[in-house]
N, C-alpha and C. Protein backbone atom coordinates (compact mmCIF):
# COMPACT_ATOMS: atom_id res chain seq x y z
N MET A 1 0.85 -1.23 -0.02
CA MET A 1 -0.08 -0.08 -0.01
C MET A 1 0.78 1.32 -0.08
N ASN A 2 0.81 2.16 -0.75
CA ASN A 2 1.35 3.42 -0.99
C ASN A 2 0.67 4.46 0.01
N TYR A 3 -0.25 4.12 0.66
CA TYR A 3 -0.95 5.14 1.55
C TYR A 3 -1.26 4.35 2.58
N ASN A 4 -1.79 5.20 3.59
CA ASN A 4 -2.18 4.42 5.05
C ASN A 4 -3.66 4.18 4.98
N ALA A 5 -3.95 2.97 4.55
CA ALA A 5 -5.33 2.57 4.45
C ALA A 5 -5.96 2.50 5.74
N TYR A 6 -5.33 2.23 6.77
CA TYR A 6 -5.76 2.11 8.33
C TYR A 6 -6.28 3.50 8.74
N GLU A 7 -5.49 4.64 8.23
CA GLU A 7 -5.86 5.91 8.53
C GLU A 7 -7.12 6.35 7.98
N ILE A 8 -7.43 5.84 6.70
CA ILE A 8 -8.63 6.26 6.02
C ILE A 8 -9.85 5.70 6.87
N LEU A 9 -9.59 4.38 7.39
CA LEU A 9 -10.72 3.92 8.25
C LEU A 9 -10.85 4.37 9.70
N GLY A 10 -9.70 5.20 10.03
CA GLY A 10 -9.66 5.65 11.32
C GLY A 10 -9.17 4.68 12.37
N LEU A 11 -8.18 3.89 12.10
CA LEU A 11 -7.54 2.77 12.83
C LEU A 11 -6.26 2.71 12.94
N PRO A 12 -5.59 2.25 14.08
CA PRO A 12 -4.29 1.94 14.09
C PRO A 12 -3.78 0.86 13.14
N THR A 13 -2.54 0.89 12.68
CA THR A 13 -2.05 -0.31 11.95
C THR A 13 -2.12 -1.52 12.53
N ASN A 14 -2.22 -1.76 14.03
CA ASN A 14 -2.15 -2.97 14.67
C ASN A 14 -3.49 -3.30 14.92
N ALA A 15 -4.47 -2.71 14.40
CA ALA A 15 -6.01 -3.18 14.68
C ALA A 15 -6.28 -4.54 14.15
N SER A 16 -6.95 -5.38 15.06
CA SER A 16 -7.34 -6.57 14.85
C SER A 16 -8.25 -6.69 13.57
N MET A 17 -8.36 -7.78 12.97
CA MET A 17 -9.23 -8.05 11.80
C MET A 17 -10.80 -7.72 12.19
N GLU A 18 -11.01 -8.14 13.37
CA GLU A 18 -12.41 -7.86 13.83
C GLU A 18 -12.68 -6.35 13.87
N GLN A 19 -11.88 -5.60 14.39
CA GLN A 19 -12.11 -4.10 14.38
C GLN A 19 -12.02 -3.57 12.96
N VAL A 20 -11.23 -3.96 12.13
CA VAL A 20 -11.24 -3.51 10.62
C VAL A 20 -12.39 -3.75 10.04
N GLU A 21 -13.08 -5.14 10.23
CA GLU A 21 -14.36 -5.56 9.75
C GLU A 21 -15.63 -4.59 10.31
N SER A 22 -15.53 -4.28 11.64
CA SER A 22 -16.63 -3.52 12.29
C SER A 22 -16.45 -2.13 11.90
N ARG A 23 -15.23 -1.45 11.73
CA ARG A 23 -15.18 -0.16 11.34
C ARG A 23 -15.72 0.06 9.92
N TYR A 24 -15.19 -0.90 9.06
CA TYR A 24 -15.65 -0.75 7.64
C TYR A 24 -17.15 -0.71 7.42
N LYS A 25 -17.75 -1.70 8.12
CA LYS A 25 -19.18 -1.82 8.14
C LYS A 25 -20.10 -0.49 8.64
N GLU A 26 -19.36 -0.06 9.62
CA GLU A 26 -20.01 1.22 10.04
C GLU A 26 -19.81 2.38 9.13
N LEU A 27 -18.66 2.49 8.61
CA LEU A 27 -18.53 3.85 7.70
C LEU A 27 -19.13 3.39 6.38
N ARG A 28 -19.17 2.26 5.87
CA ARG A 28 -20.07 1.97 4.76
C ARG A 28 -21.44 2.20 4.84
N ALA A 29 -22.07 2.00 6.04
CA ALA A 29 -23.36 2.22 6.17
C ALA A 29 -23.60 3.63 6.27
N GLN A 30 -22.84 4.34 6.85
CA GLN A 30 -22.91 5.83 7.04
C GLN A 30 -22.81 6.40 5.59
N TYR A 31 -21.80 6.11 4.85
CA TYR A 31 -21.58 7.09 3.62
C TYR A 31 -22.72 6.52 2.57
N GLN A 32 -23.07 5.19 2.72
CA GLN A 32 -24.19 4.74 1.64
C GLN A 32 -25.33 5.60 2.05
N ARG A 33 -25.74 5.92 3.23
CA ARG A 33 -26.70 6.82 3.55
C ARG A 33 -26.76 8.37 3.16
N ASP A 34 -25.31 8.81 3.40
CA ASP A 34 -25.18 10.15 3.28
C ASP A 34 -24.85 10.63 1.62
N ARG A 35 -24.74 9.47 1.00
CA ARG A 35 -24.27 9.79 -0.49
C ARG A 35 -25.65 10.33 -1.15
N PHE A 36 -26.88 10.03 -0.59
CA PHE A 36 -28.10 10.72 -1.04
C PHE A 36 -28.45 12.06 -0.73
N LEU A 37 -27.51 12.67 0.14
CA LEU A 37 -27.75 14.15 0.42
C LEU A 37 -27.45 14.94 -0.76
N PRO A 38 -28.05 16.30 -0.63
CA PRO A 38 -27.99 16.93 -1.75
C PRO A 38 -26.62 17.63 -1.80
N GLY A 39 -26.16 18.13 -2.95
CA GLY A 39 -25.01 19.10 -3.09
C GLY A 39 -23.74 18.22 -2.84
N GLU A 40 -22.72 19.17 -2.21
CA GLU A 40 -21.35 18.69 -1.94
C GLU A 40 -21.34 17.63 -0.92
N GLU A 41 -22.39 17.60 0.03
CA GLU A 41 -22.33 16.69 0.98
C GLU A 41 -22.48 15.35 0.65
N GLY A 42 -23.34 15.17 -0.40
CA GLY A 42 -23.73 13.79 -1.18
C GLY A 42 -22.33 13.34 -2.03
N GLU A 43 -21.89 14.31 -2.66
CA GLU A 43 -20.59 13.97 -3.61
C GLU A 43 -19.44 13.49 -2.58
N GLU A 44 -19.18 14.25 -1.45
CA GLU A 44 -18.27 13.87 -0.60
C GLU A 44 -18.44 12.55 -0.07
N ALA A 45 -19.65 12.19 0.33
CA ALA A 45 -20.06 10.87 0.78
C ALA A 45 -19.62 9.75 -0.29
N CYS A 46 -19.99 10.10 -1.38
CA CYS A 46 -19.82 9.05 -2.44
C CYS A 46 -18.10 8.94 -2.54
N GLU A 47 -17.50 10.05 -2.55
CA GLU A 47 -16.04 9.84 -2.51
C GLU A 47 -15.28 9.11 -1.31
N ARG A 48 -16.02 9.46 -0.10
CA ARG A 48 -15.41 8.69 0.97
C ARG A 48 -15.77 7.09 1.02
N LEU A 49 -17.07 6.96 0.40
CA LEU A 49 -17.44 5.43 0.33
C LEU A 49 -16.40 4.66 -0.45
N GLN A 50 -16.06 5.38 -1.68
CA GLN A 50 -15.08 4.65 -2.72
C GLN A 50 -13.71 4.58 -1.84
N GLN A 51 -13.37 5.54 -1.05
CA GLN A 51 -12.10 5.47 -0.40
C GLN A 51 -11.99 4.28 0.65
N ILE A 52 -13.01 4.14 1.31
CA ILE A 52 -13.01 3.04 2.34
C ILE A 52 -13.25 1.78 1.83
N GLU A 53 -13.82 1.60 0.55
CA GLU A 53 -13.94 0.39 -0.06
C GLU A 53 -12.52 -0.19 -0.45
N VAL A 54 -11.67 0.88 -1.13
CA VAL A 54 -10.26 0.46 -1.71
C VAL A 54 -9.50 0.17 -0.29
N ALA A 55 -9.62 0.97 0.67
CA ALA A 55 -8.86 0.86 1.79
C ALA A 55 -9.02 -0.67 2.52
N TYR A 56 -10.34 -0.87 2.70
CA TYR A 56 -10.64 -2.00 3.19
C TYR A 56 -10.20 -3.30 2.23
N ARG A 57 -10.30 -3.14 0.92
CA ARG A 57 -9.83 -4.31 0.13
C ARG A 57 -8.27 -4.36 0.22
N ASP A 58 -7.55 -3.30 0.23
CA ASP A 58 -6.00 -3.27 0.33
C ASP A 58 -5.63 -3.96 1.72
N ILE A 59 -6.54 -3.66 2.75
CA ILE A 59 -6.10 -4.21 4.08
C ILE A 59 -6.15 -5.71 4.06
N LEU A 60 -7.21 -6.25 3.53
CA LEU A 60 -7.60 -7.74 3.18
C LEU A 60 -6.35 -8.22 2.42
N THR A 61 -5.91 -7.52 1.43
CA THR A 61 -4.87 -8.18 0.56
C THR A 61 -3.60 -8.14 1.34
N SER A 62 -3.23 -7.19 2.03
CA SER A 62 -2.08 -7.14 2.91
C SER A 62 -2.00 -8.14 3.96
N ARG A 63 -3.25 -8.33 4.63
CA ARG A 63 -3.32 -9.40 5.79
C ARG A 63 -3.07 -10.64 5.15
N GLU A 64 -3.72 -11.04 4.01
CA GLU A 64 -3.38 -12.22 3.40
C GLU A 64 -2.05 -12.48 3.00
N GLU A 65 -1.43 -11.47 2.51
CA GLU A 65 0.09 -11.85 2.00
C GLU A 65 0.90 -12.05 3.26
N GLN A 66 0.62 -11.33 4.39
CA GLN A 66 1.38 -11.66 5.64
C GLN A 66 0.99 -12.86 6.24
N ASN A 67 -0.16 -13.54 6.09
CA ASN A 67 -0.50 -14.78 6.48
C ASN A 67 0.33 -15.73 5.73
N GLN A 68 0.30 -15.73 4.27
CA GLN A 68 0.96 -16.57 3.44
C GLN A 68 2.43 -16.69 3.77
N SER A 69 3.08 -15.52 4.11
CA SER A 69 4.50 -15.52 4.36
C SER A 69 4.70 -16.05 5.67
N ARG A 70 3.88 -15.81 6.78
CA ARG A 70 3.93 -16.40 7.99
C ARG A 70 3.86 -17.96 7.82
N ASP A 71 2.91 -18.46 7.11
CA ASP A 71 2.85 -20.01 6.82
C ASP A 71 4.22 -20.44 6.17
N PHE A 72 4.70 -19.73 5.30
CA PHE A 72 5.71 -20.11 4.77
C PHE A 72 6.92 -20.33 5.60
N PHE A 73 7.15 -19.46 6.50
CA PHE A 73 8.33 -19.49 7.36
C PHE A 73 8.07 -20.53 8.55
N ASP A 74 6.83 -20.77 8.75
CA ASP A 74 6.47 -21.92 9.77
C ASP A 74 6.79 -22.99 9.20
N ASP A 75 6.64 -23.22 7.88
CA ASP A 75 6.74 -24.56 7.14
C ASP A 75 8.26 -24.80 6.92
N ASN A 76 9.09 -23.96 7.26
CA ASN A 76 10.53 -23.99 7.20
C ASN A 76 11.07 -23.95 8.59
N ASP A 77 10.39 -24.13 9.65
CA ASP A 77 10.96 -24.32 10.99
C ASP A 77 10.68 -25.94 11.33
N TYR A 78 11.89 -26.39 11.48
CA TYR A 78 12.18 -27.92 11.73
C TYR A 78 12.41 -28.24 13.24
N THR A 79 12.36 -27.28 14.07
CA THR A 79 12.64 -27.52 15.50
C THR A 79 11.88 -28.73 16.02
N GLN A 80 10.52 -28.55 15.75
CA GLN A 80 9.71 -29.62 16.40
C GLN A 80 10.23 -31.03 15.86
N ILE A 81 10.60 -31.32 14.68
CA ILE A 81 10.85 -32.43 14.08
C ILE A 81 12.37 -32.85 14.63
N GLN A 82 13.22 -31.96 14.60
CA GLN A 82 14.45 -32.27 15.31
C GLN A 82 14.43 -32.66 16.79
N GLU A 83 13.43 -32.00 17.55
CA GLU A 83 13.25 -32.64 18.81
C GLU A 83 12.64 -33.91 18.95
N LEU A 84 11.82 -34.26 17.91
CA LEU A 84 11.27 -35.66 17.91
C LEU A 84 12.28 -36.67 17.59
N ILE A 85 13.23 -36.16 16.58
CA ILE A 85 14.49 -37.08 16.31
C ILE A 85 15.30 -37.32 17.51
N SER A 86 15.57 -36.30 18.14
CA SER A 86 16.45 -36.36 19.33
C SER A 86 15.91 -37.30 20.50
N THR A 87 14.56 -37.30 20.53
CA THR A 87 13.93 -38.33 21.57
C THR A 87 13.64 -39.63 21.13
N GLY A 88 13.99 -39.93 19.77
CA GLY A 88 13.76 -41.24 19.35
C GLY A 88 12.34 -41.47 18.74
N ARG A 89 11.59 -40.47 18.61
CA ARG A 89 10.05 -40.58 18.07
C ARG A 89 10.22 -40.34 16.62
N LEU A 90 10.71 -41.39 15.92
CA LEU A 90 10.98 -41.30 14.67
C LEU A 90 9.78 -41.38 13.77
N GLU A 91 8.67 -42.19 14.06
CA GLU A 91 7.47 -42.10 13.45
C GLU A 91 6.75 -40.78 13.33
N GLU A 92 6.73 -40.05 14.40
CA GLU A 92 6.06 -38.85 14.50
C GLU A 92 6.93 -37.75 13.56
N ALA A 93 8.23 -37.79 13.68
CA ALA A 93 9.04 -36.96 13.06
C ALA A 93 8.93 -37.18 11.48
N GLN A 94 8.91 -38.40 10.95
CA GLN A 94 8.65 -38.57 9.61
C GLN A 94 7.43 -38.21 9.09
N ALA A 95 6.29 -38.50 10.01
CA ALA A 95 4.99 -37.97 9.68
C ALA A 95 4.80 -36.55 9.38
N LEU A 96 5.41 -35.66 10.30
CA LEU A 96 5.52 -34.33 10.18
C LEU A 96 6.22 -33.81 9.02
N LEU A 97 7.41 -34.60 8.66
CA LEU A 97 8.37 -34.11 7.51
C LEU A 97 7.59 -34.38 6.30
N ASP A 98 6.78 -35.43 6.29
CA ASP A 98 6.07 -35.87 4.98
C ASP A 98 4.98 -34.83 4.74
N GLU A 99 4.52 -34.34 5.76
CA GLU A 99 3.26 -33.21 5.58
C GLU A 99 3.92 -31.94 5.08
N ARG A 100 5.11 -31.69 5.08
CA ARG A 100 5.72 -30.36 4.55
C ARG A 100 5.51 -30.18 3.10
N SER A 101 5.04 -28.99 2.83
CA SER A 101 4.66 -28.59 1.36
C SER A 101 5.95 -28.27 0.80
N VAL A 102 6.80 -27.59 1.50
CA VAL A 102 8.25 -27.01 1.04
C VAL A 102 9.15 -28.00 1.22
N ARG A 103 9.88 -28.34 0.07
CA ARG A 103 10.97 -29.40 0.17
C ARG A 103 12.26 -28.71 -0.33
N ASP A 104 12.78 -27.85 0.56
CA ASP A 104 13.78 -27.22 0.41
C ASP A 104 15.23 -28.06 0.99
N ALA A 105 16.34 -27.30 0.89
CA ALA A 105 17.62 -28.04 1.29
C ALA A 105 17.46 -28.60 2.75
N GLU A 106 17.01 -27.75 3.46
CA GLU A 106 16.93 -28.16 5.02
C GLU A 106 15.87 -29.39 5.05
N TRP A 107 15.00 -29.59 4.32
CA TRP A 107 14.01 -30.80 4.29
C TRP A 107 14.75 -31.81 4.13
N HIS A 108 15.65 -31.87 3.01
CA HIS A 108 16.19 -33.11 2.60
C HIS A 108 17.49 -33.34 3.65
N TYR A 109 17.92 -32.28 4.20
CA TYR A 109 19.01 -32.63 5.09
C TYR A 109 18.24 -33.43 6.44
N ILE A 110 17.12 -32.93 7.01
CA ILE A 110 16.28 -33.59 8.16
C ILE A 110 16.07 -34.94 7.65
N GLN A 111 15.77 -35.06 6.33
CA GLN A 111 15.26 -36.33 5.82
C GLN A 111 16.47 -37.36 5.92
N SER A 112 17.69 -36.88 5.64
CA SER A 112 18.84 -37.64 5.61
C SER A 112 19.08 -38.17 7.03
N ILE A 113 18.96 -37.31 8.03
CA ILE A 113 19.16 -37.82 9.42
C ILE A 113 18.06 -38.84 9.88
N LEU A 114 16.85 -38.70 9.38
CA LEU A 114 15.92 -39.71 9.64
C LEU A 114 16.29 -41.03 8.99
N PHE A 115 16.66 -40.93 7.85
CA PHE A 115 17.16 -42.23 7.12
C PHE A 115 18.38 -42.94 7.76
N TYR A 116 19.34 -42.03 8.03
CA TYR A 116 20.42 -42.55 8.75
C TYR A 116 19.94 -43.25 10.18
N LYS A 117 19.15 -42.64 10.89
CA LYS A 117 18.69 -43.11 12.06
C LYS A 117 18.20 -44.56 11.95
N ARG A 118 17.62 -44.75 10.75
CA ARG A 118 16.90 -46.04 10.52
C ARG A 118 17.91 -47.08 9.94
N ASN A 119 19.21 -46.61 9.62
CA ASN A 119 20.21 -47.50 9.15
C ASN A 119 20.02 -47.56 7.53
N TRP A 120 19.32 -46.66 6.91
CA TRP A 120 19.22 -46.54 5.53
C TRP A 120 20.44 -45.68 4.92
N PHE A 121 21.58 -46.13 4.95
CA PHE A 121 22.60 -45.17 4.91
C PHE A 121 22.74 -44.64 3.46
N LEU A 122 22.37 -45.45 2.40
CA LEU A 122 22.70 -45.02 1.03
C LEU A 122 21.45 -43.95 0.66
N GLU A 123 20.29 -44.08 1.25
CA GLU A 123 19.29 -43.13 0.91
C GLU A 123 19.75 -41.87 1.86
N SER A 124 20.28 -41.94 2.92
CA SER A 124 20.66 -40.89 3.77
C SER A 124 21.71 -39.99 2.87
N LYS A 125 22.66 -40.67 2.25
CA LYS A 125 23.65 -40.04 1.50
C LYS A 125 22.90 -39.30 0.38
N LYS A 126 22.07 -40.03 -0.37
CA LYS A 126 21.27 -39.32 -1.49
C LYS A 126 20.61 -37.98 -1.00
N GLN A 127 20.04 -37.95 0.14
CA GLN A 127 19.43 -36.94 0.80
C GLN A 127 20.20 -35.70 0.96
N LEU A 128 21.60 -35.95 1.62
CA LEU A 128 22.42 -35.20 1.65
C LEU A 128 23.13 -34.56 0.47
N GLU A 129 23.10 -35.28 -0.72
CA GLU A 129 23.63 -34.96 -1.75
C GLU A 129 22.64 -33.74 -2.39
N LEU A 130 21.38 -34.04 -2.28
CA LEU A 130 20.32 -33.16 -2.68
C LEU A 130 20.34 -31.91 -2.14
N ALA A 131 20.60 -32.02 -0.61
CA ALA A 131 20.75 -30.67 0.11
C ALA A 131 22.05 -29.88 -0.38
N CYS A 132 23.01 -30.59 -0.53
CA CYS A 132 24.35 -29.84 -1.00
C CYS A 132 23.99 -29.26 -2.44
N GLN A 133 23.29 -29.89 -3.36
CA GLN A 133 23.01 -29.34 -4.55
C GLN A 133 22.14 -28.11 -4.54
N MET A 134 21.26 -28.19 -3.65
CA MET A 134 20.38 -27.13 -3.34
C MET A 134 20.84 -25.77 -2.77
N ASP A 135 21.76 -26.12 -1.89
CA ASP A 135 22.36 -25.07 -1.06
C ASP A 135 23.97 -25.37 -0.88
N PRO A 136 24.72 -25.11 -1.99
CA PRO A 136 26.24 -25.65 -2.00
C PRO A 136 27.10 -24.81 -1.02
N ASN A 137 26.69 -23.79 -0.65
CA ASN A 137 27.41 -23.01 0.26
C ASN A 137 27.20 -23.38 1.76
N ASN A 138 26.37 -24.32 2.05
CA ASN A 138 26.12 -24.75 3.53
C ASN A 138 27.06 -25.66 3.96
N ALA A 139 27.88 -25.10 4.82
CA ALA A 139 29.03 -25.83 5.42
C ALA A 139 28.53 -27.04 6.35
N ARG A 140 27.36 -26.98 6.92
CA ARG A 140 26.85 -28.00 7.67
C ARG A 140 26.25 -29.27 6.84
N TYR A 141 25.78 -29.06 5.67
CA TYR A 141 25.44 -30.08 4.91
C TYR A 141 26.68 -30.69 4.29
N ARG A 142 27.62 -29.93 3.72
CA ARG A 142 28.84 -30.45 3.11
C ARG A 142 29.73 -31.32 4.12
N GLN A 143 29.95 -30.86 5.47
CA GLN A 143 30.60 -31.45 6.39
C GLN A 143 29.79 -32.77 6.78
N SER A 144 28.59 -32.90 6.83
CA SER A 144 27.86 -34.07 7.21
C SER A 144 27.90 -35.13 6.12
N LEU A 145 27.97 -34.58 4.80
CA LEU A 145 28.07 -35.59 3.64
C LEU A 145 29.43 -36.04 3.59
N GLU A 146 30.64 -35.37 3.90
CA GLU A 146 31.95 -35.72 3.93
C GLU A 146 32.04 -36.88 4.96
N LYS A 147 31.53 -36.61 6.29
CA LYS A 147 31.63 -37.56 7.17
C LYS A 147 30.98 -38.87 6.84
N LEU A 148 29.82 -38.80 6.23
CA LEU A 148 28.93 -39.81 5.86
C LEU A 148 29.65 -40.71 4.94
N THR A 149 30.29 -40.11 3.96
CA THR A 149 30.92 -40.73 2.93
C THR A 149 32.31 -41.38 3.49
N ARG A 150 32.75 -40.96 4.49
CA ARG A 150 33.96 -41.74 5.17
C ARG A 150 33.50 -42.82 5.69
N ILE A 151 32.23 -42.71 6.47
CA ILE A 151 31.74 -43.98 7.22
C ILE A 151 31.40 -44.94 6.23
N LEU A 152 30.83 -44.61 5.04
CA LEU A 152 30.43 -45.61 4.05
C LEU A 152 31.65 -46.33 3.36
N ALA A 153 32.68 -45.52 3.49
CA ALA A 153 33.91 -46.17 2.85
C ALA A 153 34.80 -46.95 3.88
N SER A 154 34.35 -46.96 5.20
CA SER A 154 35.01 -47.53 6.29
C SER A 154 34.39 -49.09 6.28
N ASN A 155 34.95 -49.76 7.31
CA ASN A 155 34.35 -51.08 7.69
C ASN A 155 33.41 -51.17 8.75
N THR A 156 32.80 -50.07 9.02
CA THR A 156 31.82 -49.98 10.27
C THR A 156 30.41 -50.39 9.99
N ILE A 157 30.12 -50.64 8.64
CA ILE A 157 28.70 -50.88 8.20
C ILE A 157 28.82 -52.11 7.52
N SER A 158 27.95 -53.07 7.85
CA SER A 158 27.94 -54.41 7.20
C SER A 158 27.31 -54.33 5.84
N PRO A 159 27.85 -55.35 4.86
CA PRO A 159 27.40 -55.36 3.53
C PRO A 159 25.94 -55.22 3.39
N ASP A 160 25.24 -55.92 4.22
CA ASP A 160 23.73 -55.97 4.16
C ASP A 160 22.96 -54.61 4.20
N GLN A 161 23.71 -53.86 5.15
CA GLN A 161 23.21 -52.44 5.32
C GLN A 161 23.54 -51.58 4.15
N MET A 162 24.77 -51.80 3.61
CA MET A 162 25.22 -50.85 2.47
C MET A 162 24.35 -51.28 1.25
N ARG A 163 23.56 -52.23 1.23
CA ARG A 163 22.83 -52.54 0.03
C ARG A 163 21.36 -51.88 0.10
N THR A 164 20.98 -51.12 1.15
CA THR A 164 19.80 -50.42 1.18
C THR A 164 19.91 -49.28 0.32
N THR A 165 19.01 -49.43 -0.79
CA THR A 165 19.12 -48.26 -1.74
C THR A 165 17.90 -47.58 -1.86
N SER A 166 16.94 -47.85 -1.13
CA SER A 166 15.55 -47.11 -1.37
C SER A 166 14.83 -47.27 0.03
N ARG A 167 13.93 -46.37 0.28
CA ARG A 167 13.07 -46.29 1.51
C ARG A 167 12.20 -47.50 1.53
N PRO A 168 12.19 -48.35 2.52
CA PRO A 168 11.29 -49.42 2.41
C PRO A 168 9.85 -48.97 2.48
N THR A 169 8.90 -49.63 2.10
CA THR A 169 7.45 -49.33 1.98
C THR A 169 6.78 -50.52 2.83
N ASN A 170 5.53 -50.15 3.32
CA ASN A 170 4.66 -50.95 4.14
C ASN A 170 5.58 -51.66 5.19
N ASP A 171 6.30 -50.94 5.88
CA ASP A 171 7.35 -51.55 6.85
C ASP A 171 7.13 -50.94 8.14
N ASN A 172 7.37 -51.54 9.29
CA ASN A 172 7.22 -51.03 10.68
C ASN A 172 8.58 -50.34 10.94
N TYR A 173 8.69 -48.96 11.04
CA TYR A 173 9.88 -48.30 11.18
C TYR A 173 10.52 -48.70 12.50
N SER A 174 9.63 -49.03 13.54
CA SER A 174 10.06 -49.19 15.01
C SER A 174 10.84 -50.60 14.94
N ASN A 175 10.86 -51.34 14.08
CA ASN A 175 11.53 -52.57 13.83
C ASN A 175 12.91 -52.55 13.16
N MET A 176 13.25 -51.30 12.83
CA MET A 176 14.35 -51.24 12.01
C MET A 176 15.62 -50.79 12.86
N GLY A 177 15.51 -50.96 14.20
CA GLY A 177 16.74 -50.57 15.07
C GLY A 177 17.88 -51.43 14.72
N ALA A 178 18.99 -51.06 15.21
CA ALA A 178 20.37 -51.64 14.89
C ALA A 178 20.60 -52.99 15.75
N GLY A 179 19.98 -52.86 16.96
CA GLY A 179 20.04 -54.05 17.67
C GLY A 179 21.47 -54.51 18.46
N ASN A 180 22.36 -53.44 18.58
CA ASN A 180 23.56 -53.64 19.11
C ASN A 180 23.89 -52.63 20.21
N GLY A 181 22.88 -52.05 20.69
CA GLY A 181 23.05 -51.02 21.79
C GLY A 181 23.31 -49.64 21.35
N THR A 182 23.29 -49.56 20.10
CA THR A 182 23.64 -48.00 19.62
C THR A 182 22.47 -47.49 18.83
N CYS A 183 22.43 -46.39 18.60
CA CYS A 183 21.17 -45.69 17.84
C CYS A 183 21.11 -46.14 16.24
N THR A 184 22.52 -46.24 15.76
CA THR A 184 22.57 -46.34 14.24
C THR A 184 23.22 -47.66 14.00
N GLY A 185 23.68 -48.29 14.76
CA GLY A 185 24.30 -49.68 14.28
C GLY A 185 25.78 -49.55 14.52
N SER A 186 26.37 -48.33 14.81
CA SER A 186 27.85 -48.19 15.00
C SER A 186 28.22 -46.92 15.75
N SER A 187 29.13 -47.08 16.58
CA SER A 187 29.38 -45.98 17.29
C SER A 187 29.88 -44.81 16.44
N CYS A 188 30.38 -45.03 15.40
CA CYS A 188 30.67 -43.94 14.36
C CYS A 188 29.39 -43.32 13.84
N GLY A 189 28.48 -44.17 13.61
CA GLY A 189 27.25 -43.75 12.99
C GLY A 189 26.51 -42.79 14.10
N ASP A 190 26.52 -43.07 15.30
CA ASP A 190 25.98 -42.34 16.41
C ASP A 190 26.70 -41.08 16.46
N CYS A 191 27.93 -40.90 16.29
CA CYS A 191 28.70 -39.61 16.41
C CYS A 191 28.27 -38.71 15.25
N LEU A 192 28.00 -39.29 13.94
CA LEU A 192 27.57 -38.44 12.98
C LEU A 192 26.05 -38.08 13.20
N LEU A 193 25.27 -38.91 13.67
CA LEU A 193 23.91 -38.57 13.92
C LEU A 193 23.95 -37.47 14.95
N CYS A 194 24.59 -37.56 16.05
CA CYS A 194 24.65 -36.46 17.14
C CYS A 194 25.20 -35.14 16.38
N ASN A 195 26.28 -35.27 15.62
CA ASN A 195 26.88 -34.01 14.93
C ASN A 195 25.76 -33.50 14.03
N ALA A 196 24.97 -34.21 13.32
CA ALA A 196 23.90 -33.77 12.26
C ALA A 196 22.72 -33.21 13.06
N CYS A 197 22.25 -33.65 14.20
CA CYS A 197 21.28 -33.14 14.83
C CYS A 197 21.46 -31.93 15.80
N CYS A 198 22.62 -31.87 16.42
CA CYS A 198 22.75 -30.86 17.23
C CYS A 198 24.10 -29.92 17.00
N ASN A 199 24.82 -30.50 15.88
CA ASN A 199 26.21 -29.80 15.57
C ASN A 199 27.21 -29.74 16.54
N CYS A 200 27.21 -30.83 17.26
CA CYS A 200 27.97 -30.88 18.55
C CYS A 200 29.48 -31.53 18.17
N MET A 201 30.16 -30.66 17.83
CA MET A 201 31.45 -31.20 17.29
C MET A 201 32.25 -32.02 18.39
N GLN A 202 32.06 -31.82 19.55
CA GLN A 202 32.82 -32.45 20.59
C GLN A 202 32.52 -34.07 20.61
N CYS A 203 31.20 -34.22 19.99
CA CYS A 203 31.02 -35.74 19.86
C CYS A 203 31.87 -36.63 19.07
N MET A 204 32.44 -35.78 18.18
CA MET A 204 33.45 -36.50 17.12
C MET A 204 34.80 -36.72 17.73
N GLY A 205 34.97 -36.24 18.98
CA GLY A 205 36.32 -36.28 19.67
C GLY A 205 36.86 -37.57 19.63
N GLY A 206 36.04 -38.78 19.75
CA GLY A 206 36.46 -40.06 19.93
C GLY A 206 37.10 -40.64 18.62
N GLY A 207 36.88 -40.07 17.49
CA GLY A 207 37.41 -40.34 16.14
C GLY A 207 36.90 -41.50 15.69
N CYS A 208 36.53 -41.53 14.47
CA CYS A 208 35.67 -42.72 13.79
C CYS A 208 36.73 -43.38 12.64
């Protein structure tokens, strides 16, 4: 808006939508009645009626754009999903991730963590590669990919796990545990997951 639409309605810019609606209806009723007055009063009322219609429409458009912008940024907030991952609630984390409409670089990065948590190592690597392609200057993505590549090249992952090439379907995620007392199947894998989830570099102090 290149003018103050709220001022035309006699409202502050932080007015609630209920206040905007109420004020608009009040002014519209007044000027719809006054426009039939003779002479300049009627002409002025017609002009004011047009002004409040435009101002009200512009406020609605502005509020809608703000809501869309807010929804977009909410969709890019992965804090809740990361908290679910950190507490081992992988089913819930995956469900929330699948609901996201925006599949940005961070989405693929979080998906790589979930895949890694389930021992789907090659799929995890694919997601990290996508994240790096979409945001090549992100050091966090690049470092995680480098660490995962080193782990895949080591002898810490069994050949059976290495053959995982796609996300299983119709499977119970809760049955995908490593079964050896670690989260991912190897102590090195746990180090990577910890670093990916919380960027805690001291977790890598033991060396992999």
